[in-house]
Amino acid sequence: MIEARRATADDASEIVRLRGVMLASLAGADPAPGPWQQAARETLRERLTDPAELMAAFVVDAPDRGGELAACAVGTVERRLGGPGNPSGLTGYVFNVVTDPGHRRRGCSRACMEALLDWYRRLGVLRVDLRASEHGEPLYRSLGFRPTSGPTMRLTLPVTHPSTLEPMTGRPGCSPCP
């Protein structure tokens, strides 16, 4: 039986490596190396040690390669406004579900997803969303995920280096936060 464990900050580099594997499978080519990798590692190191527990990753260690991961699944928790179907407003979002090509079809991603869903249950999260690839959809359906009826829309803003961002105060229509 495949067992997933909760990832630590020490797993950040391997989770980012697996993210590259996932992105390559979606785009058909390896993603270009760049600052995204260091930013992702820093985010993981910070968020996986945050006591607020708003992000978790579950991983399966590669049995044949010490220090490498076979698979991972990452999830976050967001508190939205509650409603009739989700009174607490707690909503989970799953991303970065990927298995290294040499370990596929053995249940690694399933083990990571089941551990992640258990984490959501322990936190009282009632609604969990994800975006499914064609290859991942059968796994997600088997875990109870269903397509939604609402259209998804996205706006991609231009990349701005954080050091060049202006503070919100002083802009027309903005006032300092209390």
C-alpha atoms as a PDB file:
ATOM      1  CA  MET A   1       0.000   0.000   0.000  1.00  0.00           C
ATOM      2  CA  ILE A   2       1.252   3.462  -0.921  1.00  0.00           C
ATOM      3  CA  GLU A   3       1.391   5.905   2.003  1.00  0.00           C
ATOM      4  CA  ALA A   4       1.507   9.666   1.704  1.00  0.00           C
ATOM      5  CA  ARG A   5       3.054  11.896   4.340  1.00  0.00           C
ATOM      6  CA  ARG A   6       2.648  15.565   5.083  1.00  0.00           C
ATOM      7  CA  ALA A   7       5.339  17.557   3.287  1.00  0.00           C
ATOM      8  CA  THR A   8       7.742  19.791   5.154  1.00  0.00           C
ATOM      9  CA  ALA A   9       9.691  22.846   4.054  1.00  0.00           C
ATOM     10  CA  ASP A  10      12.569  20.463   3.256  1.00  0.00           C
ATOM     11  CA  ASP A  11      10.449  19.013   0.426  1.00  0.00           C
ATOM     12  CA  ALA A  12      10.072  22.371  -1.344  1.00  0.00           C
ATOM     13  CA  SER A  13      12.698  21.774  -4.035  1.00  0.00           C
ATOM     14  CA  GLU A  14      11.282  18.378  -4.934  1.00  0.00           C
ATOM     15  CA  ILE A  15       7.716  19.716  -5.052  1.00  0.00           C
ATOM     16  CA  VAL A  16       8.907  22.445  -7.438  1.00  0.00           C
ATOM     17  CA  ARG A  17      10.672  19.801  -9.558  1.00  0.00           C
ATOM     18  CA  LEU A  18       7.417  17.854  -9.745  1.00  0.00           C
ATOM     19  CA  ARG A  19       5.593  21.073 -10.625  1.00  0.00           C
ATOM     20  CA  GLY A  20       7.884  21.317 -13.644  1.00  0.00           C
ATOM     21  CA  VAL A  21       6.925  17.742 -14.589  1.00  0.00           C
ATOM     22  CA  MET A  22       3.245  18.677 -14.354  1.00  0.00           C
ATOM     23  CA  LEU A  23       3.662  21.882 -16.354  1.00  0.00           C
ATOM     24  CA  ALA A  24       5.602  19.995 -19.033  1.00  0.00           C
ATOM     25  CA  SER A  25       2.838  17.401 -19.368  1.00  0.00           C
ATOM     26  CA  LEU A  26       0.224  20.143 -19.773  1.00  0.00           C
ATOM     27  CA  ALA A  27       2.218  22.258 -22.237  1.00  0.00           C
ATOM     28  CA  GLY A  28       3.977  19.473 -24.125  1.00  0.00           C
ATOM     29  CA  ALA A  29       7.421  20.941 -23.343  1.00  0.00           C
ATOM     30  CA  ASP A  30       9.558  21.516 -20.266  1.00  0.00           C
ATOM     31  CA  PRO A  31       8.952  24.934 -18.698  1.00  0.00           C
ATOM     32  CA  ALA A  32      11.814  27.373 -19.015  1.00  0.00           C
ATOM     33  CA  PRO A  33      13.900  27.621 -15.868  1.00  0.00           C
ATOM     34  CA  GLY A  34      13.618  30.981 -14.200  1.00  0.00           C
ATOM     35  CA  PRO A  35      12.653  32.997 -11.163  1.00  0.00           C
ATOM     36  CA  TRP A  36       9.347  31.127 -10.879  1.00  0.00           C
ATOM     37  CA  GLN A  37      11.194  28.154  -9.388  1.00  0.00           C
ATOM     38  CA  GLN A  38      12.860  30.109  -6.580  1.00  0.00           C
ATOM     39  CA  ALA A  39       9.625  32.000  -5.873  1.00  0.00           C
ATOM     40  CA  ALA A  40       7.716  28.701  -5.673  1.00  0.00           C
ATOM     41  CA  ARG A  41      10.314  27.183  -3.315  1.00  0.00           C
ATOM     42  CA  GLU A  42      10.141  30.256  -1.060  1.00  0.00           C
ATOM     43  CA  THR A  43       6.340  30.177  -1.020  1.00  0.00           C
ATOM     44  CA  LEU A  44       6.335  26.493  -0.108  1.00  0.00           C
ATOM     45  CA  ARG A  45       8.938  26.924   2.641  1.00  0.00           C
ATOM     46  CA  GLU A  46       6.943  29.791   4.140  1.00  0.00           C
ATOM     47  CA  ARG A  47       3.451  28.376   3.774  1.00  0.00           C
ATOM     48  CA  LEU A  48       4.244  24.796   4.811  1.00  0.00           C
ATOM     49  CA  THR A  49       5.564  26.059   8.158  1.00  0.00           C
ATOM     50  CA  ASP A  50       2.835  28.655   8.757  1.00  0.00           C
ATOM     51  CA  PRO A  51       0.926  27.772  11.944  1.00  0.00           C
ATOM     52  CA  ALA A  52      -2.286  29.112  10.359  1.00  0.00           C
ATOM     53  CA  GLU A  53      -2.348  25.908   8.250  1.00  0.00           C
ATOM     54  CA  LEU A  54      -3.736  27.500   5.113  1.00  0.00           C
ATOM     55  CA  MET A  55      -1.596  25.319   2.813  1.00  0.00           C
ATOM     56  CA  ALA A  56      -0.597  21.689   2.984  1.00  0.00           C
ATOM     57  CA  ALA A  57       1.170  19.314   0.651  1.00  0.00           C
ATOM     58  CA  PHE A  58       1.130  15.561   0.825  1.00  0.00           C
ATOM     59  CA  VAL A  59       3.865  13.549  -0.830  1.00  0.00           C
ATOM     60  CA  VAL A  60       4.968  10.009  -1.551  1.00  0.00           C
ATOM     61  CA  ASP A  61       8.681   9.359  -1.309  1.00  0.00           C
ATOM     62  CA  ALA A  62      10.353   7.660  -4.258  1.00  0.00           C
ATOM     63  CA  PRO A  63      11.249   4.207  -2.913  1.00  0.00           C
ATOM     64  CA  ASP A  64      14.220   3.747  -5.199  1.00  0.00           C
ATOM     65  CA  ARG A  65      15.808   7.215  -4.943  1.00  0.00           C
ATOM     66  CA  GLY A  66      16.586   8.673  -1.534  1.00  0.00           C
ATOM     67  CA  GLY A  67      15.512  12.277  -1.122  1.00  0.00           C
ATOM     68  CA  GLU A  68      13.306  12.308  -4.218  1.00  0.00           C
ATOM     69  CA  LEU A  69       9.545  12.379  -4.339  1.00  0.00           C
ATOM     70  CA  ALA A  70       7.367  10.107  -6.444  1.00  0.00           C
ATOM     71  CA  ALA A  71       4.232  12.289  -6.208  1.00  0.00           C
ATOM     72  CA  CYS A  72       2.605  15.248  -4.528  1.00  0.00           C
ATOM     73  CA  ALA A  73      -0.698  17.088  -4.123  1.00  0.00           C
ATOM     74  CA  VAL A  74      -0.904  20.619  -2.752  1.00  0.00           C
ATOM     75  CA  GLY A  75      -3.947  22.373  -1.364  1.00  0.00           C
ATOM     76  CA  THR A  76      -4.920  25.668   0.174  1.00  0.00           C
ATOM     77  CA  VAL A  77      -7.795  26.855   2.342  1.00  0.00           C
ATOM     78  CA  GLU A  78      -9.572  30.132   1.787  1.00  0.00           C
ATOM     79  CA  ARG A  79     -12.310  31.627   3.952  1.00  0.00           C
ATOM     80  CA  ARG A  80     -15.001  33.011   1.683  1.00  0.00           C
ATOM     81  CA  LEU A  81     -18.401  34.312   2.720  1.00  0.00           C
ATOM     82  CA  GLY A  82     -20.629  31.513   3.923  1.00  0.00           C
ATOM     83  CA  GLY A  83     -23.767  30.486   2.085  1.00  0.00           C
ATOM     84  CA  PRO A  84     -26.493  27.840   2.301  1.00  0.00           C
ATOM     85  CA  GLY A  85     -24.304  25.088   0.841  1.00  0.00           C
ATOM     86  CA  ASN A  86     -21.177  26.079   2.746  1.00  0.00           C
ATOM     87  CA  PRO A  87     -22.057  27.980   5.939  1.00  0.00           C
ATOM     88  CA  SER A  88     -18.465  28.397   7.162  1.00  0.00           C
ATOM     89  CA  GLY A  89     -17.247  29.696   3.819  1.00  0.00           C
ATOM     90  CA  LEU A  90     -14.148  27.504   4.085  1.00  0.00           C
ATOM     91  CA  THR A  91     -13.156  26.445   0.579  1.00  0.00           C
ATOM     92  CA  GLY A  92     -10.273  24.236  -0.425  1.00  0.00           C
ATOM     93  CA  TYR A  93      -8.368  24.455  -3.675  1.00  0.00           C
ATOM     94  CA  VAL A  94      -6.268  21.545  -4.925  1.00  0.00           C
ATOM     95  CA  PHE A  95      -3.373  22.051  -7.324  1.00  0.00           C
ATOM     96  CA  ASN A  96      -0.025  20.616  -8.302  1.00  0.00           C
ATOM     97  CA  VAL A  97      -1.177  16.996  -8.292  1.00  0.00           C
ATOM     98  CA  VAL A  98       1.558  15.145 -10.125  1.00  0.00           C
ATOM     99  CA  THR A  99       3.393  11.843 -10.190  1.00  0.00           C
ATOM    100  CA  ASP A 100       6.903  11.463 -11.538  1.00  0.00           C
ATOM    101  CA  PRO A 101       6.728   9.493 -14.828  1.00  0.00           C
ATOM    102  CA  GLY A 102       8.711   6.576 -13.393  1.00  0.00           C
ATOM    103  CA  HIS A 103       6.146   6.046 -10.617  1.00  0.00           C
ATOM    104  CA  ARG A 104       2.838   6.429 -12.445  1.00  0.00           C
ATOM    105  CA  ARG A 105      -0.084   3.975 -12.320  1.00  0.00           C
ATOM    106  CA  ARG A 106       0.807   2.757  -8.813  1.00  0.00           C
ATOM    107  CA  GLY A 107      -1.600   4.836  -6.712  1.00  0.00           C
ATOM    108  CA  CYS A 108       0.828   7.585  -5.662  1.00  0.00           C
ATOM    109  CA  SER A 109      -1.389  10.525  -6.667  1.00  0.00           C
ATOM    110  CA  ARG A 110      -4.427   8.795  -5.171  1.00  0.00           C
ATOM    111  CA  ALA A 111      -2.602   8.413  -1.839  1.00  0.00           C
ATOM    112  CA  CYS A 112      -1.630  12.106  -1.896  1.00  0.00           C
ATOM    113  CA  MET A 113      -5.174  13.186  -2.779  1.00  0.00           C
ATOM    114  CA  GLU A 114      -6.764  11.012  -0.097  1.00  0.00           C
ATOM    115  CA  ALA A 115      -4.407  12.459   2.526  1.00  0.00           C
ATOM    116  CA  LEU A 116      -5.152  15.992   1.324  1.00  0.00           C
ATOM    117  CA  LEU A 117      -8.913  15.377   1.452  1.00  0.00           C
ATOM    118  CA  ASP A 118      -8.557  14.000   4.991  1.00  0.00           C
ATOM    119  CA  TRP A 119      -6.715  17.224   5.935  1.00  0.00           C
ATOM    120  CA  TYR A 120      -9.612  19.274   4.536  1.00  0.00           C
ATOM    121  CA  ARG A 121     -12.104  17.177   6.524  1.00  0.00           C
ATOM    122  CA  ARG A 122     -10.139  17.726   9.763  1.00  0.00           C
ATOM    123  CA  LEU A 123     -10.252  21.488   9.137  1.00  0.00           C
ATOM    124  CA  GLY A 124     -14.006  21.471   8.486  1.00  0.00           C
ATOM    125  CA  VAL A 125     -13.701  22.399   4.803  1.00  0.00           C
ATOM    126  CA  LEU A 126     -16.935  21.442   3.041  1.00  0.00           C
ATOM    127  CA  ARG A 127     -16.176  22.536  -0.524  1.00  0.00           C
ATOM    128  CA  VAL A 128     -13.032  21.662  -2.483  1.00  0.00           C
ATOM    129  CA  ASP A 129     -12.313  22.884  -6.007  1.00  0.00           C
ATOM    130  CA  LEU A 130      -9.710  21.926  -8.569  1.00  0.00           C
ATOM    131  CA  ARG A 131      -8.986  22.162 -12.264  1.00  0.00           C
ATOM    132  CA  ALA A 132      -8.663  18.734 -13.817  1.00  0.00           C
ATOM    133  CA  SER A 133      -6.449  17.732 -16.697  1.00  0.00           C
ATOM    134  CA  GLU A 134      -7.755  15.059 -19.030  1.00  0.00           C
ATOM    135  CA  HIS A 135      -5.365  12.548 -17.430  1.00  0.00           C
ATOM    136  CA  GLY A 136      -6.343  13.467 -13.863  1.00  0.00           C
ATOM    137  CA  GLU A 137     -10.099  13.587 -14.326  1.00  0.00           C
ATOM    138  CA  PRO A 138     -10.742   9.845 -13.743  1.00  0.00           C
ATOM    139  CA  LEU A 139      -8.911   9.987 -10.391  1.00  0.00           C
ATOM    140  CA  TYR A 140     -10.826  13.075  -9.274  1.00  0.00           C
ATOM    141  CA  ARG A 141     -14.179  11.603 -10.326  1.00  0.00           C
ATOM    142  CA  SER A 142     -13.396   8.422  -8.379  1.00  0.00           C
ATOM    143  CA  LEU A 143     -12.809  10.596  -5.296  1.00  0.00           C
ATOM    144  CA  GLY A 144     -16.221  12.283  -5.710  1.00  0.00           C
ATOM    145  CA  PHE A 145     -15.367  15.439  -7.667  1.00  0.00           C
ATOM    146  CA  ARG A 146     -17.952  16.511 -10.237  1.00  0.00           C
ATOM    147  CA  PRO A 147     -17.890  19.162 -12.956  1.00  0.00           C
ATOM    148  CA  THR A 148     -19.472  22.477 -11.997  1.00  0.00           C
ATOM    149  CA  SER A 149     -22.025  24.308 -14.087  1.00  0.00           C
ATOM    150  CA  GLY A 150     -20.606  27.787 -13.663  1.00  0.00           C
ATOM    151  CA  PRO A 151     -18.254  29.249 -16.222  1.00  0.00           C
ATOM    152  CA  THR A 152     -14.749  29.972 -15.087  1.00  0.00           C
ATOM    153  CA  MET A 153     -13.243  33.284 -16.096  1.00  0.00           C
ATOM    154  CA  ARG A 154      -9.710  34.551 -15.578  1.00  0.00           C
ATOM    155  CA  LEU A 155      -7.855  37.815 -15.868  1.00  0.00           C
ATOM    156  CA  THR A 156      -4.079  37.686 -16.135  1.00  0.00           C
ATOM    157  CA  LEU A 157      -2.461  40.907 -14.992  1.00  0.00           C
ATOM    158  CA  PRO A 158       0.975  41.906 -16.285  1.00  0.00           C
ATOM    159  CA  VAL A 159       3.924  40.780 -14.186  1.00  0.00           C
ATOM    160  CA  THR A 160       5.309  43.534 -11.992  1.00  0.00           C
ATOM    161  CA  HIS A 161       8.363  43.065  -9.842  1.00  0.00           C
ATOM    162  CA  PRO A 162       7.333  43.494  -6.173  1.00  0.00           C
ATOM    163  CA  SER A 163       9.972  46.166  -5.560  1.00  0.00           C
ATOM    164  CA  THR A 164       8.369  48.404  -8.193  1.00  0.00           C
ATOM    165  CA  LEU A 165       4.872  48.267  -6.767  1.00  0.00           C
ATOM    166  CA  GLU A 166       3.608  51.558  -5.405  1.00  0.00           C
ATOM    167  CA  PRO A 167       1.857  51.607  -2.062  1.00  0.00           C
ATOM    168  CA  MET A 168      -1.926  51.799  -2.284  1.00  0.00           C
ATOM    169  CA  THR A 169      -2.008  55.054  -0.328  1.00  0.00           C
ATOM    170  CA  GLY A 170      -1.656  58.155  -2.407  1.00  0.00           C
ATOM    171  CA  ARG A 171      -3.400  56.704  -5.439  1.00  0.00           C
ATOM    172  CA  PRO A 172      -6.603  58.400  -6.549  1.00  0.00           C
ATOM    173  CA  GLY A 173      -9.566  56.924  -4.718  1.00  0.00           C
ATOM    174  CA  CYS A 174      -7.436  55.092  -2.124  1.00  0.00           C
ATOM    175  CA  SER A 175      -7.201  56.005   1.475  1.00  0.00           C
ATOM    176  CA  PRO A 176      -4.823  54.569   4.039  1.00  0.00           C
ATOM    177  CA  CYS A 177      -6.001  51.428   5.751  1.00  0.00           C
ATOM    178  CA  PRO A 178      -6.707  51.831   9.460  1.00  0.00           C
END
